[in-house]
């Protein structure tokens, strides 16, 4: 997927999307929209979540410590 294939998204929206992956070895990788397609093709990487990165980080930072831990655990299930 290229930037040109998504003309309906603003540059800001395009750059805010984050894809979270976990490898079979347990490594975590957060990829942007352009790099995510490569991880989708690799069977050793499992897609865990798609996030609006800026909003999710802001939400997590405003939460209590306990809620932060819960949110991160939810993604890494």
N, C-alpha and C. Protein backbone atom coordinates (compact mmCIF):
# COMPACT_ATOMS: atom_id res chain seq x y z
N UNK A 1 0.84 -1.16 0.00
CA UNK A 1 0.00 0.00 0.00
C UNK A 1 0.90 1.24 0.00
N UNK A 2 0.55 2.18 -0.80
CA UNK A 2 1.35 3.40 -0.86
C UNK A 2 0.50 4.59 -0.43
N UNK A 3 1.17 5.67 -0.16
CA UNK A 3 0.48 6.90 0.25
C UNK A 3 -0.51 7.33 -0.84
N UNK A 4 -0.15 7.15 -2.07
CA UNK A 4 -1.00 7.56 -3.19
C UNK A 4 -2.29 6.73 -3.26
N UNK A 5 -2.27 5.52 -2.73
CA UNK A 5 -3.45 4.66 -2.77
C UNK A 5 -4.48 5.05 -1.72
N UNK A 6 -4.13 5.96 -0.85
CA UNK A 6 -5.04 6.38 0.21
C UNK A 6 -5.26 7.89 0.16
N UNK A 7 -5.76 8.40 -0.95
CA UNK A 7 -5.91 9.85 -1.09
C UNK A 7 -6.96 10.45 -0.17
N UNK A 8 -7.86 9.62 0.36
CA UNK A 8 -8.92 10.13 1.23
C UNK A 8 -8.40 10.43 2.64
N UNK A 9 -7.21 9.96 2.97
CA UNK A 9 -6.63 10.22 4.28
C UNK A 9 -5.73 11.45 4.21
N UNK A 10 -5.84 12.29 5.22
CA UNK A 10 -4.92 13.41 5.30
C UNK A 10 -3.54 12.88 5.69
N UNK A 11 -2.51 13.67 5.51
CA UNK A 11 -1.17 13.25 5.92
C UNK A 11 -1.15 12.96 7.42
N UNK A 12 -1.85 13.78 8.18
CA UNK A 12 -1.89 13.58 9.63
C UNK A 12 -2.52 12.23 9.98
N UNK A 13 -3.65 11.91 9.36
CA UNK A 13 -4.31 10.62 9.62
C UNK A 13 -3.41 9.46 9.20
N UNK A 14 -2.80 9.61 8.05
CA UNK A 14 -1.94 8.56 7.51
C UNK A 14 -0.79 8.26 8.47
N UNK A 15 -0.21 9.29 9.04
CA UNK A 15 0.95 9.12 9.91
C UNK A 15 0.59 8.71 11.34
N UNK A 16 -0.68 8.74 11.69
CA UNK A 16 -1.11 8.40 13.04
C UNK A 16 -1.44 6.92 13.21
N UNK A 17 -1.62 6.20 12.14
CA UNK A 17 -2.02 4.80 12.25
C UNK A 17 -0.81 3.96 12.65
N UNK A 18 -1.00 3.14 13.68
CA UNK A 18 0.07 2.27 14.17
C UNK A 18 -0.46 0.84 14.22
N UNK A 19 0.33 -0.09 13.71
CA UNK A 19 -0.02 -1.51 13.71
C UNK A 19 0.91 -2.23 14.66
N UNK A 20 0.34 -2.97 15.60
CA UNK A 20 1.13 -3.66 16.61
C UNK A 20 1.20 -5.15 16.26
N UNK A 21 2.42 -5.68 16.25
CA UNK A 21 2.67 -7.08 15.89
C UNK A 21 3.50 -7.75 16.97
N UNK A 22 3.32 -9.07 17.08
CA UNK A 22 4.16 -9.88 17.97
C UNK A 22 4.73 -11.04 17.15
N UNK A 23 6.03 -11.25 17.28
CA UNK A 23 6.66 -12.36 16.57
C UNK A 23 6.44 -13.65 17.36
N UNK A 24 6.70 -14.77 16.74
CA UNK A 24 6.58 -16.06 17.41
C UNK A 24 7.57 -16.17 18.57
N UNK A 25 8.62 -15.37 18.53
CA UNK A 25 9.62 -15.37 19.61
C UNK A 25 9.24 -14.40 20.73
N UNK A 26 8.14 -13.68 20.57
CA UNK A 26 7.66 -12.77 21.60
C UNK A 26 8.08 -11.33 21.45
N UNK A 27 8.81 -10.99 20.40
CA UNK A 27 9.21 -9.60 20.15
C UNK A 27 8.00 -8.78 19.72
N UNK A 28 7.95 -7.54 20.14
CA UNK A 28 6.87 -6.64 19.76
C UNK A 28 7.40 -5.62 18.76
N UNK A 29 6.61 -5.35 17.72
CA UNK A 29 6.97 -4.35 16.71
C UNK A 29 5.75 -3.48 16.44
N UNK A 30 5.96 -2.17 16.40
CA UNK A 30 4.91 -1.24 16.01
C UNK A 30 5.31 -0.66 14.67
N UNK A 31 4.46 -0.86 13.68
CA UNK A 31 4.78 -0.45 12.31
C UNK A 31 3.81 0.62 11.82
N UNK A 32 4.31 1.45 10.91
CA UNK A 32 3.42 2.42 10.28
C UNK A 32 2.66 1.72 9.14
N UNK A 33 1.79 2.47 8.51
CA UNK A 33 0.93 1.90 7.48
C UNK A 33 1.71 1.29 6.32
N UNK A 34 2.77 1.93 5.91
CA UNK A 34 3.53 1.43 4.78
C UNK A 34 4.31 0.16 5.12
N UNK A 35 4.86 0.09 6.33
CA UNK A 35 5.64 -1.08 6.74
C UNK A 35 4.78 -2.25 7.17
N UNK A 36 3.55 -1.99 7.59
CA UNK A 36 2.67 -3.05 8.09
C UNK A 36 2.41 -4.12 7.04
N UNK A 37 2.34 -3.74 5.79
CA UNK A 37 2.07 -4.73 4.73
C UNK A 37 3.14 -5.81 4.70
N UNK A 38 4.38 -5.45 5.02
CA UNK A 38 5.45 -6.44 5.04
C UNK A 38 5.27 -7.44 6.18
N UNK A 39 4.83 -6.96 7.33
CA UNK A 39 4.60 -7.85 8.47
C UNK A 39 3.39 -8.74 8.24
N UNK A 40 2.39 -8.24 7.53
CA UNK A 40 1.20 -9.06 7.24
C UNK A 40 1.55 -10.26 6.36
N UNK A 41 2.58 -10.14 5.57
CA UNK A 41 2.99 -11.22 4.67
C UNK A 41 3.83 -12.29 5.37
N UNK A 42 4.30 -11.99 6.58
CA UNK A 42 5.20 -12.91 7.28
C UNK A 42 4.40 -13.72 8.31
N UNK A 43 4.33 -15.03 8.14
CA UNK A 43 3.53 -15.84 9.06
C UNK A 43 4.06 -15.85 10.49
N UNK A 44 5.31 -15.49 10.70
CA UNK A 44 5.86 -15.50 12.06
C UNK A 44 5.45 -14.26 12.87
N UNK A 45 4.76 -13.30 12.24
CA UNK A 45 4.30 -12.10 12.93
C UNK A 45 2.78 -12.12 13.03
N UNK A 46 2.27 -11.92 14.23
CA UNK A 46 0.83 -11.88 14.49
C UNK A 46 0.40 -10.43 14.70
N UNK A 47 -0.63 -10.01 13.98
CA UNK A 47 -1.18 -8.67 14.15
C UNK A 47 -2.02 -8.65 15.42
N UNK A 48 -1.70 -7.73 16.33
CA UNK A 48 -2.40 -7.65 17.61
C UNK A 48 -3.41 -6.51 17.67
N UNK A 49 -3.05 -5.36 17.08
CA UNK A 49 -3.92 -4.19 17.19
C UNK A 49 -3.59 -3.17 16.12
N UNK A 50 -4.59 -2.36 15.80
CA UNK A 50 -4.42 -1.19 14.94
C UNK A 50 -4.89 0.00 15.76
N UNK A 51 -4.05 1.00 15.89
CA UNK A 51 -4.32 2.12 16.78
C UNK A 51 -4.15 3.46 16.08
N UNK A 52 -4.91 4.43 16.56
CA UNK A 52 -4.61 5.82 16.26
C UNK A 52 -3.57 6.20 17.31
N UNK A 53 -2.32 6.19 16.92
CA UNK A 53 -1.22 6.28 17.88
C UNK A 53 -1.30 7.50 18.80
N UNK A 54 -1.55 8.67 18.25
CA UNK A 54 -1.56 9.87 19.07
C UNK A 54 -2.68 9.84 20.11
N UNK A 55 -3.86 9.44 19.68
CA UNK A 55 -4.99 9.39 20.62
C UNK A 55 -4.80 8.31 21.67
N UNK A 56 -4.26 7.17 21.28
CA UNK A 56 -4.08 6.08 22.23
C UNK A 56 -3.04 6.47 23.28
N UNK A 57 -1.94 7.05 22.85
CA UNK A 57 -0.90 7.48 23.81
C UNK A 57 -1.47 8.52 24.76
N UNK A 58 -2.19 9.49 24.24
CA UNK A 58 -2.78 10.51 25.10
C UNK A 58 -3.74 9.88 26.11
N UNK A 59 -4.57 8.96 25.65
CA UNK A 59 -5.52 8.29 26.54
C UNK A 59 -4.78 7.52 27.64
N UNK A 60 -3.76 6.79 27.27
CA UNK A 60 -3.00 5.99 28.24
C UNK A 60 -2.33 6.90 29.27
N UNK A 61 -1.78 8.00 28.83
CA UNK A 61 -1.08 8.90 29.74
C UNK A 61 -2.03 9.58 30.73
N UNK A 62 -3.29 9.71 30.35
CA UNK A 62 -4.27 10.33 31.24
C UNK A 62 -4.91 9.33 32.21
N UNK A 63 -4.71 8.06 31.97
CA UNK A 63 -5.30 7.01 32.80
C UNK A 63 -4.51 6.81 34.09
N UNK A 64 -5.14 6.11 35.01
CA UNK A 64 -4.42 5.73 36.23
C UNK A 64 -3.38 4.68 35.88
N UNK A 65 -2.44 4.49 36.78
CA UNK A 65 -1.38 3.49 36.58
C UNK A 65 -2.00 2.11 36.35
N UNK A 66 -2.99 1.77 37.15
CA UNK A 66 -3.65 0.46 37.03
C UNK A 66 -4.29 0.29 35.66
N UNK A 67 -5.00 1.33 35.21
CA UNK A 67 -5.67 1.25 33.91
C UNK A 67 -4.66 1.15 32.78
N UNK A 68 -3.53 1.84 32.88
CA UNK A 68 -2.47 1.76 31.87
C UNK A 68 -2.01 0.32 31.69
N UNK A 69 -1.76 -0.33 32.80
CA UNK A 69 -1.31 -1.73 32.76
C UNK A 69 -2.38 -2.59 32.09
N UNK A 70 -3.64 -2.37 32.43
CA UNK A 70 -4.74 -3.14 31.82
C UNK A 70 -4.80 -2.93 30.31
N UNK A 71 -4.66 -1.68 29.87
CA UNK A 71 -4.72 -1.38 28.44
C UNK A 71 -3.60 -2.07 27.67
N UNK A 72 -2.41 -2.03 28.22
CA UNK A 72 -1.28 -2.67 27.55
C UNK A 72 -1.46 -4.18 27.51
N UNK A 73 -1.94 -4.75 28.60
CA UNK A 73 -2.20 -6.19 28.61
C UNK A 73 -3.26 -6.59 27.59
N UNK A 74 -4.26 -5.74 27.41
CA UNK A 74 -5.31 -6.02 26.41
C UNK A 74 -4.73 -6.14 25.01
N UNK A 75 -3.81 -5.27 24.68
CA UNK A 75 -3.20 -5.30 23.35
C UNK A 75 -2.34 -6.55 23.19
N UNK A 76 -1.63 -6.92 24.24
CA UNK A 76 -0.66 -8.01 24.13
C UNK A 76 -1.26 -9.40 24.36
N UNK A 77 -2.57 -9.50 24.48
CA UNK A 77 -3.21 -10.82 24.65
C UNK A 77 -2.88 -11.74 23.52
